PDB file of N, CA and C in Angstrom:
ATOM      1  N   MET A   1     194.712 240.467 108.341  1.00  0.00           N
ATOM      2  CA  MET A   1     195.942 241.865 108.903  1.00  0.00           C
ATOM      3  C   MET A   1     196.373 240.604 110.261  1.00  0.00           C
ATOM      4  N   GLY A   2     197.682 240.782 110.670  1.00  0.00           N
ATOM      5  CA  GLY A   2     198.579 240.367 111.322  1.00  0.00           C
ATOM      6  C   GLY A   2     198.609 240.711 113.117  1.00  0.00           C
ATOM      7  N   SER A   3     199.144 240.570 113.836  1.00  0.00           N
ATOM      8  CA  SER A   3     199.241 240.314 114.950  1.00  0.00           C
ATOM      9  C   SER A   3     199.648 241.653 115.346  1.00  0.00           C
ATOM     10  N   TYR A   4     199.266 242.475 116.553  1.00  0.00           N
ATOM     11  CA  TYR A   4     199.201 243.724 117.117  1.00  0.00           C
ATOM     12  C   TYR A   4     200.163 244.100 118.340  1.00  0.00           C
ATOM     13  N   GLY A   5     201.182 245.152 118.629  1.00  0.00           N
ATOM     14  CA  GLY A   5     201.729 245.045 119.970  1.00  0.00           C
ATOM     15  C   GLY A   5     201.422 245.861 120.354  1.00  0.00           C
ATOM     16  N   ILE A   6     201.488 246.120 121.442  1.00  0.00           N
ATOM     17  CA  ILE A   6     201.012 247.482 122.578  1.00  0.00           C
ATOM     18  C   ILE A   6     202.272 247.261 123.660  1.00  0.00           C
ATOM     19  N   VAL A   7     203.076 248.405 124.053  1.00  0.00           N
ATOM     20  CA  VAL A   7     204.031 248.620 124.926  1.00  0.00           C
ATOM     21  C   VAL A   7     203.265 249.918 126.109  1.00  0.00           C
ATOM     22  N   ASN A   8     203.525 249.177 127.043  1.00  0.00           N
ATOM     23  CA  ASN A   8     202.992 250.198 127.879  1.00  0.00           C
ATOM     24  C   ASN A   8     203.689 250.538 129.305  1.00  0.00           C
ATOM     25  N   ARG A   9     204.300 251.943 129.478  1.00  0.00           N
ATOM     26  CA  ARG A   9     205.762 252.293 130.264  1.00  0.00           C
ATOM     27  C   ARG A   9     204.287 253.180 131.375  1.00  0.00           C
ATOM     28  N   PHE A  10     204.794 252.749 132.751  1.00  0.00           N
ATOM     29  CA  PHE A  10     204.095 253.018 133.845  1.00  0.00           C
ATOM     30  C   PHE A  10     205.126 254.115 134.789  1.00  0.00           C
ATOM     31  N   ALA A  11     205.521 254.897 134.185  1.00  0.00           N
ATOM     32  CA  ALA A  11     206.371 255.981 135.369  1.00  0.00           C
ATOM     33  C   ALA A  11     206.061 255.761 137.002  1.00  0.00           C
ATOM     34  N   GLY A  12     207.057 255.139 137.497  1.00  0.00           N
ATOM     35  CA  GLY A  12     206.600 255.108 138.753  1.00  0.00           C
ATOM     36  C   GLY A  12     206.138 253.606 139.458  1.00  0.00           C
ATOM     37  N   GLY A  13     205.517 253.075 138.140  1.00  0.00           N
ATOM     38  CA  GLY A  13     204.613 251.698 138.817  1.00  0.00           C
ATOM     39  C   GLY A  13     206.154 250.709 139.519  1.00  0.00           C
ATOM     40  N   THR A  14     205.349 249.590 140.065  1.00  0.00           N
ATOM     41  CA  THR A  14     206.305 249.014 140.658  1.00  0.00           C
ATOM     42  C   THR A  14     205.699 247.185 140.329  1.00  0.00           C
ATOM     43  N   GLU A  15     206.577 246.532 140.497  1.00  0.00           N
ATOM     44  CA  GLU A  15     206.158 245.104 140.300  1.00  0.00           C
ATOM     45  C   GLU A  15     204.773 244.577 141.162  1.00  0.00           C
ATOM     46  N   GLN A  16     204.486 245.248 142.464  1.00  0.00           N
ATOM     47  CA  GLN A  16     203.627 244.668 143.077  1.00  0.00           C
ATOM     48  C   GLN A  16     202.152 245.775 142.807  1.00  0.00           C
ATOM     49  N   GLN A  17     202.403 246.298 142.055  1.00  0.00           N
ATOM     50  CA  GLN A  17     200.927 247.200 141.215  1.00  0.00           C
ATOM     51  C   GLN A  17     200.796 246.687 140.182  1.00  0.00           C
ATOM     52  N   TYR A  18     201.910 246.187 139.504  1.00  0.00           N
ATOM     53  CA  TYR A  18     201.753 245.148 138.573  1.00  0.00           C
ATOM     54  C   TYR A  18     200.750 244.244 138.591  1.00  0.00           C
ATOM     55  N   GLU A  19     201.309 243.317 139.669  1.00  0.00           N
ATOM     56  CA  GLU A  19     200.678 242.032 140.313  1.00  0.00           C
ATOM     57  C   GLU A  19     198.846 242.247 140.834  1.00  0.00           C
ATOM     58  N   ASN A  20     199.036 243.637 141.440  1.00  0.00           N
ATOM     59  CA  ASN A  20     197.653 243.386 141.746  1.00  0.00           C
ATOM     60  C   ASN A  20     196.448 243.792 140.804  1.00  0.00           C
ATOM     61  N   THR A  21     197.474 244.842 139.468  1.00  0.00           N
ATOM     62  CA  THR A  21     196.317 244.957 137.926  1.00  0.00           C
ATOM     63  C   THR A  21     196.414 243.991 137.528  1.00  0.00           C
ATOM     64  N   VAL A  22     197.314 242.742 137.123  1.00  0.00           N
ATOM     65  CA  VAL A  22     196.885 241.704 136.736  1.00  0.00           C
ATOM     66  C   VAL A  22     195.927 240.845 137.233  1.00  0.00           C
ATOM     67  N   ALA A  23     195.850 240.636 138.334  1.00  0.00           N
ATOM     68  CA  ALA A  23     195.254 239.919 139.232  1.00  0.00           C
ATOM     69  C   ALA A  23     193.842 240.372 138.998  1.00  0.00           C
ATOM     70  N   VAL A  24     193.268 241.582 138.478  1.00  0.00           N
ATOM     71  CA  VAL A  24     191.686 241.691 138.160  1.00  0.00           C
ATOM     72  C   VAL A  24     191.619 241.726 136.631  1.00  0.00           C
ATOM     73  N   VAL A  25     192.489 242.492 135.868  1.00  0.00           N
ATOM     74  CA  VAL A  25     192.060 242.096 134.834  1.00  0.00           C
ATOM     75  C   VAL A  25     192.312 240.908 133.933  1.00  0.00           C
ATOM     76  N   HIS A  26     193.361 239.714 134.235  1.00  0.00           N
ATOM     77  CA  HIS A  26     193.678 238.903 133.305  1.00  0.00           C
ATOM     78  C   HIS A  26     192.766 238.208 134.073  1.00  0.00           C
ATOM     79  N   PRO A  27     192.500 236.939 133.093  1.00  0.00           N
ATOM     80  CA  PRO A  27     191.272 235.607 133.840  1.00  0.00           C
ATOM     81  C   PRO A  27     192.868 234.723 134.219  1.00  0.00           C
ATOM     82  N   GLU A  28     191.998 234.435 135.814  1.00  0.00           N
ATOM     83  CA  GLU A  28     192.258 232.963 136.828  1.00  0.00           C
ATOM     84  C   GLU A  28     193.211 233.769 137.520  1.00  0.00           C
ATOM     85  N   GLY A  29     192.735 235.679 138.079  1.00  0.00           N
ATOM     86  CA  GLY A  29     193.403 235.911 138.929  1.00  0.00           C
ATOM     87  C   GLY A  29     195.034 236.273 138.502  1.00  0.00           C
ATOM     88  N   GLY A  30     194.777 236.408 137.156  1.00  0.00           N
ATOM     89  CA  GLY A  30     196.297 236.422 136.627  1.00  0.00           C
ATOM     90  C   GLY A  30     197.483 235.537 136.093  1.00  0.00           C
ATOM     91  N   LYS A  31     196.634 234.460 136.270  1.00  0.00           N
ATOM     92  CA  LYS A  31     196.939 233.374 135.939  1.00  0.00           C
ATOM     93  C   LYS A  31     197.225 232.539 134.151  1.00  0.00           C
ATOM     94  N   SER A  32     196.218 233.492 133.910  1.00  0.00           N
ATOM     95  CA  SER A  32     196.013 232.938 132.284  1.00  0.00           C
ATOM     96  C   SER A  32     196.188 234.525 131.199  1.00  0.00           C
ATOM     97  N   LEU A  33     196.166 234.321 129.873  1.00  0.00           N
ATOM     98  CA  LEU A  33     196.072 235.585 129.400  1.00  0.00           C
ATOM     99  C   LEU A  33     194.601 235.404 128.901  1.00  0.00           C
ATOM    100  N   PRO A  34     194.494 236.723 128.342  1.00  0.00           N
ATOM    101  CA  PRO A  34     193.069 237.499 127.913  1.00  0.00           C
ATOM    102  C   PRO A  34     192.550 236.667 126.641  1.00  0.00           C
ATOM    103  N   PRO A  35     191.867 236.264 126.223  1.00  0.00           N
ATOM    104  CA  PRO A  35     191.527 235.573 125.073  1.00  0.00           C
ATOM    105  C   PRO A  35     192.148 237.042 123.730  1.00  0.00           C
ATOM    106  N   GLY A  36     192.426 236.458 122.920  1.00  0.00           N
ATOM    107  CA  GLY A  36     193.065 237.303 121.936  1.00  0.00           C
ATOM    108  C   GLY A  36     194.581 237.718 121.788  1.00  0.00           C
ATOM    109  N   GLN A  37     195.121 237.653 123.452  1.00  0.00           N
ATOM    110  CA  GLN A  37     196.649 238.133 123.383  1.00  0.00           C
ATOM    111  C   GLN A  37     197.327 236.805 123.689  1.00  0.00           C
ATOM    112  N   THR A  38     198.589 237.129 122.947  1.00  0.00           N
ATOM    113  CA  THR A  38     199.122 235.494 122.426  1.00  0.00           C
ATOM    114  C   THR A  38     200.601 235.764 122.901  1.00  0.00           C
ATOM    115  N   TYR A  39     201.298 237.048 123.481  1.00  0.00           N
ATOM    116  CA  TYR A  39     202.282 237.009 124.512  1.00  0.00           C
ATOM    117  C   TYR A  39     202.299 238.089 125.474  1.00  0.00           C
ATOM    118  N   HIS A  40     202.572 237.967 126.956  1.00  0.00           N
ATOM    119  CA  HIS A  40     202.524 238.860 127.373  1.00  0.00           C
ATOM    120  C   HIS A  40     204.010 239.291 128.380  1.00  0.00           C
ATOM    121  N   LEU A  41     205.116 239.995 128.334  1.00  0.00           N
ATOM    122  CA  LEU A  41     206.041 240.125 129.627  1.00  0.00           C
ATOM    123  C   LEU A  41     205.491 241.526 130.514  1.00  0.00           C
ATOM    124  N   ALA A  42     206.712 241.631 131.030  1.00  0.00           N
ATOM    125  CA  ALA A  42     206.320 243.181 131.868  1.00  0.00           C
ATOM    126  C   ALA A  42     207.829 242.755 132.902  1.00  0.00           C
ATOM    127  N   GLY A  43     208.232 244.021 133.253  1.00  0.00           N
ATOM    128  CA  GLY A  43     208.981 243.952 134.264  1.00  0.00           C
ATOM    129  C   GLY A  43     209.755 245.380 134.589  1.00  0.00           C
ATOM    130  N   SER A  44     210.806 245.811 135.467  1.00  0.00           N
ATOM    131  CA  SER A  44     211.108 246.988 136.161  1.00  0.00           C
ATOM    132  C   SER A  44     211.676 247.661 135.411  1.00  0.00           C
ATOM    133  N   THR A  45     212.078 249.033 134.996  1.00  0.00           N
ATOM    134  CA  THR A  45     212.728 249.946 134.114  1.00  0.00           C
ATOM    135  C   THR A  45     213.209 250.755 135.251  1.00  0.00           C
ATOM    136  N   ASP A  46     214.343 251.832 134.808  1.00  0.00           N
ATOM    137  CA  ASP A  46     215.194 252.454 135.332  1.00  0.00           C
ATOM    138  C   ASP A  46     214.319 254.157 136.264  1.00  0.00           C
ATOM    139  N   ASP A  47     212.630 254.017 135.187  1.00  0.00           N
ATOM    140  CA  ASP A  47     212.016 254.853 135.805  1.00  0.00           C
ATOM    141  C   ASP A  47     210.440 254.323 136.134  1.00  0.00           C
ATOM    142  N   GLY A  48     210.273 253.102 136.269  1.00  0.00           N
ATOM    143  CA  GLY A  48     209.126 252.335 136.820  1.00  0.00           C
ATOM    144  C   GLY A  48     208.775 251.052 136.221  1.00  0.00           C
ATOM    145  N   TRP A  49     207.647 250.664 135.370  1.00  0.00           N
ATOM    146  CA  TRP A  49     207.538 249.703 135.067  1.00  0.00           C
ATOM    147  C   TRP A  49     207.513 249.334 133.943  1.00  0.00           C
ATOM    148  N   ILE A  50     207.033 248.282 132.929  1.00  0.00           N
ATOM    149  CA  ILE A  50     206.953 248.261 131.386  1.00  0.00           C
ATOM    150  C   ILE A  50     206.014 247.005 131.395  1.00  0.00           C
ATOM    151  N   VAL A  51     205.182 246.583 130.292  1.00  0.00           N
ATOM    152  CA  VAL A  51     204.126 245.655 130.296  1.00  0.00           C
ATOM    153  C   VAL A  51     204.092 245.787 128.739  1.00  0.00           C
ATOM    154  N   VAL A  52     204.489 244.512 127.714  1.00  0.00           N
ATOM    155  CA  VAL A  52     204.535 244.514 126.558  1.00  0.00           C
ATOM    156  C   VAL A  52     203.630 243.366 126.094  1.00  0.00           C
ATOM    157  N   ALA A  53     202.759 243.387 125.431  1.00  0.00           N
ATOM    158  CA  ALA A  53     201.723 242.467 125.064  1.00  0.00           C
ATOM    159  C   ALA A  53     201.597 242.318 123.276  1.00  0.00           C
ATOM    160  N   VAL A  54     201.136 241.067 123.016  1.00  0.00           N
ATOM    161  CA  VAL A  54     200.742 240.816 121.448  1.00  0.00           C
ATOM    162  C   VAL A  54     199.945 240.474 121.465  1.00  0.00           C
ATOM    163  N   TRP A  55     198.763 241.067 120.777  1.00  0.00           N
ATOM    164  CA  TRP A  55     197.191 240.483 120.319  1.00  0.00           C
ATOM    165  C   TRP A  55     197.167 239.722 119.055  1.00  0.00           C
ATOM    166  N   ASP A  56     196.686 239.071 118.988  1.00  0.00           N
ATOM    167  CA  ASP A  56     195.787 238.005 117.813  1.00  0.00           C
ATOM    168  C   ASP A  56     195.630 239.669 116.516  1.00  0.00           C
ATOM    169  N   SER A  57     194.593 240.825 116.790  1.00  0.00           N
ATOM    170  CA  SER A  57     194.673 241.312 116.277  1.00  0.00           C
ATOM    171  C   SER A  57     194.074 242.687 116.934  1.00  0.00           C
ATOM    172  N   GLN A  58     194.041 244.057 116.296  1.00  0.00           N
ATOM    173  CA  GLN A  58     194.130 245.387 116.696  1.00  0.00           C
ATOM    174  C   GLN A  58     192.789 245.688 117.420  1.00  0.00           C
ATOM    175  N   ALA A  59     191.645 244.304 116.805  1.00  0.00           N
ATOM    176  CA  ALA A  59     190.481 244.771 117.646  1.00  0.00           C
ATOM    177  C   ALA A  59     190.503 243.748 118.639  1.00  0.00           C
ATOM    178  N   SER A  60     191.198 242.783 118.933  1.00  0.00           N
ATOM    179  CA  SER A  60     191.335 242.291 120.164  1.00  0.00           C
ATOM    180  C   SER A  60     191.526 242.934 121.548  1.00  0.00           C
ATOM    181  N   TRP A  61     192.751 243.669 120.874  1.00  0.00           N
ATOM    182  CA  TRP A  61     193.232 244.742 121.950  1.00  0.00           C
ATOM    183  C   TRP A  61     192.361 245.529 122.172  1.00  0.00           C
ATOM    184  N   GLU A  62     191.185 246.249 121.650  1.00  0.00           N
ATOM    185  CA  GLU A  62     190.467 247.595 121.916  1.00  0.00           C
ATOM    186  C   GLU A  62     189.509 246.538 122.595  1.00  0.00           C
ATOM    187  N   LYS A  63     188.802 244.990 122.622  1.00  0.00           N
ATOM    188  CA  LYS A  63     187.771 244.886 123.051  1.00  0.00           C
ATOM    189  C   LYS A  63     188.119 244.467 124.631  1.00  0.00           C
ATOM    190  N   PHE A  64     189.495 243.930 124.799  1.00  0.00           N
ATOM    191  CA  PHE A  64     190.191 243.918 125.640  1.00  0.00           C
ATOM    192  C   PHE A  64     190.356 245.194 126.895  1.00  0.00           C
ATOM    193  N   ARG A  65     190.846 246.159 125.949  1.00  0.00           N
ATOM    194  CA  ARG A  65     190.819 247.580 126.584  1.00  0.00           C
ATOM    195  C   ARG A  65     189.503 248.186 127.060  1.00  0.00           C
ATOM    196  N   ASP A  66     188.751 248.110 126.500  1.00  0.00           N
ATOM    197  CA  ASP A  66     187.171 248.844 126.670  1.00  0.00           C
ATOM    198  C   ASP A  66     186.329 248.477 127.702  1.00  0.00           C
ATOM    199  N   ASP A  67     186.294 246.506 127.290  1.00  0.00           N
ATOM    200  CA  ASP A  67     185.471 245.478 128.148  1.00  0.00           C
ATOM    201  C   ASP A  67     185.893 245.203 129.363  1.00  0.00           C
ATOM    202  N   VAL A  68     187.378 245.254 129.911  1.00  0.00           N
ATOM    203  CA  VAL A  68     188.084 244.830 131.046  1.00  0.00           C
ATOM    204  C   VAL A  68     189.221 245.672 131.010  1.00  0.00           C
ATOM    205  N   LEU A  69     189.794 245.947 130.901  1.00  0.00           N
ATOM    206  CA  LEU A  69     190.884 246.866 131.334  1.00  0.00           C
ATOM    207  C   LEU A  69     190.819 248.378 131.983  1.00  0.00           C
ATOM    208  N   VAL A  70     190.091 248.863 131.353  1.00  0.00           N
ATOM    209  CA  VAL A  70     189.777 250.211 131.746  1.00  0.00           C
ATOM    210  C   VAL A  70     188.739 250.028 133.072  1.00  0.00           C
ATOM    211  N   PRO A  71     187.475 249.368 132.831  1.00  0.00           N
ATOM    212  CA  PRO A  71     187.142 248.993 133.704  1.00  0.00           C
ATOM    213  C   PRO A  71     187.226 248.206 134.836  1.00  0.00           C
ATOM    214  N   GLY A  72     188.332 247.484 134.845  1.00  0.00           N
ATOM    215  CA  GLY A  72     189.017 247.181 135.908  1.00  0.00           C
ATOM    216  C   GLY A  72     190.031 248.056 136.636  1.00  0.00           C
ATOM    217  N   LEU A  73     190.658 248.560 135.734  1.00  0.00           N
ATOM    218  CA  LEU A  73     191.414 249.715 136.419  1.00  0.00           C
ATOM    219  C   LEU A  73     191.144 250.891 137.258  1.00  0.00           C
ATOM    220  N   ALA A  74     189.730 251.442 137.104  1.00  0.00           N
ATOM    221  CA  ALA A  74     189.058 252.040 137.877  1.00  0.00           C
ATOM    222  C   ALA A  74     188.136 251.113 139.045  1.00  0.00           C
ATOM    223  N   SER A  75     188.785 249.866 139.215  1.00  0.00           N
ATOM    224  CA  SER A  75     188.333 249.236 140.415  1.00  0.00           C
ATOM    225  C   SER A  75     189.289 248.951 141.232  1.00  0.00           C
ATOM    226  N   ILE A  76     190.447 249.152 140.835  1.00  0.00           N
ATOM    227  CA  ILE A  76     192.275 248.679 141.666  1.00  0.00           C
ATOM    228  C   ILE A  76     192.346 250.046 142.393  1.00  0.00           C
ATOM    229  N   THR A  77     192.990 249.981 144.037  1.00  0.00           N
ATOM    230  CA  THR A  77     192.816 251.373 144.556  1.00  0.00           C
ATOM    231  C   THR A  77     194.821 251.305 144.612  1.00  0.00           C
ATOM    232  N   ASP A  78     195.378 249.840 144.450  1.00  0.00           N
ATOM    233  CA  ASP A  78     196.765 250.055 144.655  1.00  0.00           C
ATOM    234  C   ASP A  78     197.454 249.582 143.333  1.00  0.00           C
ATOM    235  N   GLY A  79     196.960 249.562 141.936  1.00  0.00           N
ATOM    236  CA  GLY A  79     197.419 248.970 140.823  1.00  0.00           C
ATOM    237  C   GLY A  79     198.433 249.869 140.067  1.00  0.00           C
ATOM    238  N   LEU A  80     198.471 249.620 138.495  1.00  0.00           N
ATOM    239  CA  LEU A  80     199.738 250.611 138.104  1.00  0.00           C
ATOM    240  C   LEU A  80     199.080 252.020 138.055  1.00  0.00           C
ATOM    241  N   PRO A  81     199.817 253.087 138.156  1.00  0.00           N
ATOM    242  CA  PRO A  81     199.634 254.502 138.067  1.00  0.00           C
ATOM    243  C   PRO A  81     199.597 254.851 136.079  1.00  0.00           C
ATOM    244  N   GLY A  82     198.523 255.649 136.432  1.00  0.00           N
ATOM    245  CA  GLY A  82     198.214 255.783 134.722  1.00  0.00           C
ATOM    246  C   GLY A  82     197.704 257.298 134.667  1.00  0.00           C
ATOM    247  N   PRO A  83     197.827 257.858 133.528  1.00  0.00           N
ATOM    248  CA  PRO A  83     197.736 257.064 132.190  1.00  0.00           C
ATOM    249  C   PRO A  83     199.343 256.521 131.986  1.00  0.00           C
ATOM    250  N   PRO A  84     199.302 255.177 131.306  1.00  0.00           N
ATOM    251  CA  PRO A  84     200.424 255.316 130.720  1.00  0.00           C
ATOM    252  C   PRO A  84     201.183 255.917 129.313  1.00  0.00           C
ATOM    253  N   GLU A  85     202.496 255.779 129.248  1.00  0.00           N
ATOM    254  CA  GLU A  85     202.732 256.174 128.011  1.00  0.00           C
ATOM    255  C   GLU A  85     202.630 254.493 127.313  1.00  0.00           C
ATOM    256  N   ILE A  86     202.137 254.904 125.511  1.00  0.00           N
ATOM    257  CA  ILE A  86     201.502 254.161 125.042  1.00  0.00           C
ATOM    258  C   ILE A  86     202.374 253.733 124.015  1.00  0.00           C
ATOM    259  N   THR A  87     203.238 252.546 122.995  1.00  0.00           N
ATOM    260  CA  THR A  87     203.656 252.627 122.034  1.00  0.00           C
ATOM    261  C   THR A  87     202.753 251.195 121.636  1.00  0.00           C
ATOM    262  N   THR A  88     202.164 251.410 119.821  1.00  0.00           N
ATOM    263  CA  THR A  88     201.833 250.078 119.148  1.00  0.00           C
ATOM    264  C   THR A  88     202.338 250.142 118.498  1.00  0.00           C
ATOM    265  N   PHE A  89     202.545 248.751 117.804  1.00  0.00           N
ATOM    266  CA  PHE A  89     202.839 248.628 116.375  1.00  0.00           C
ATOM    267  C   PHE A  89     202.687 247.475 115.647  1.00  0.00           C
ATOM    268  N   ASP A  90     202.448 247.419 114.443  1.00  0.00           N
ATOM    269  CA  ASP A  90     201.807 246.210 113.656  1.00  0.00           C
ATOM    270  C   ASP A  90     203.470 245.236 113.872  1.00  0.00           C
ATOM    271  N   VAL A  91     202.714 243.957 114.740  1.00  0.00           N
ATOM    272  CA  VAL A  91     203.818 242.834 114.221  1.00  0.00           C
ATOM    273  C   VAL A  91     204.328 242.005 112.750  1.00  0.00           C
ATOM    274  N   ALA A  92     205.461 242.474 112.327  1.00  0.00           N
ATOM    275  CA  ALA A  92     206.011 242.319 111.208  1.00  0.00           C
ATOM    276  C   ALA A  92     207.333 241.107 110.797  1.00  0.00           C
ATOM    277  N   VAL A  93     207.530 240.713 112.667  1.00  0.00           N
ATOM    278  CA  VAL A  93     207.996 239.451 112.360  1.00  0.00           C
ATOM    279  C   VAL A  93     207.834 239.175 113.879  1.00  0.00           C
ATOM    280  N   ASP A  94     207.514 237.871 113.613  1.00  0.00           N
ATOM    281  CA  ASP A  94     206.965 236.763 114.499  1.00  0.00           C
ATOM    282  C   ASP A  94     207.935 235.615 114.638  1.00  0.00           C
ATOM    283  N   ARG A  95     208.995 235.276 115.463  1.00  0.00           N
ATOM    284  CA  ARG A  95     209.535 234.260 115.315  1.00  0.00           C
ATOM    285  C   ARG A  95     210.013 233.434 116.763  1.00  0.00           C
ATOM    286  N   SER A  96     208.126 232.986 117.221  1.00  0.00           N
ATOM    287  CA  SER A  96     207.884 232.154 118.005  1.00  0.00           C
ATOM    288  C   SER A  96     207.859 230.630 118.003  1.00  0.00           C
TER     289      SER A  96
END
């Protein structure tokens, strides 16, 4: 099975909320990628904030989501507003 992508759109989200969230759910206070995540980017949109991540597998994403992300979000008082609008996809082309 190939890589797995996920797009999270947070209506009303801000860069500061994103930084607050990543500091809690990514290793080294947000300076490293979680195990299994191979690519990560984020930025502002016309209505909030977007985060795009590529994982080495759907199983890696689900483990991170269940073991780290959901508990981490519950502990943040000024994190990204949720739940996000989520789009997932199987990565068909990777030119990195």
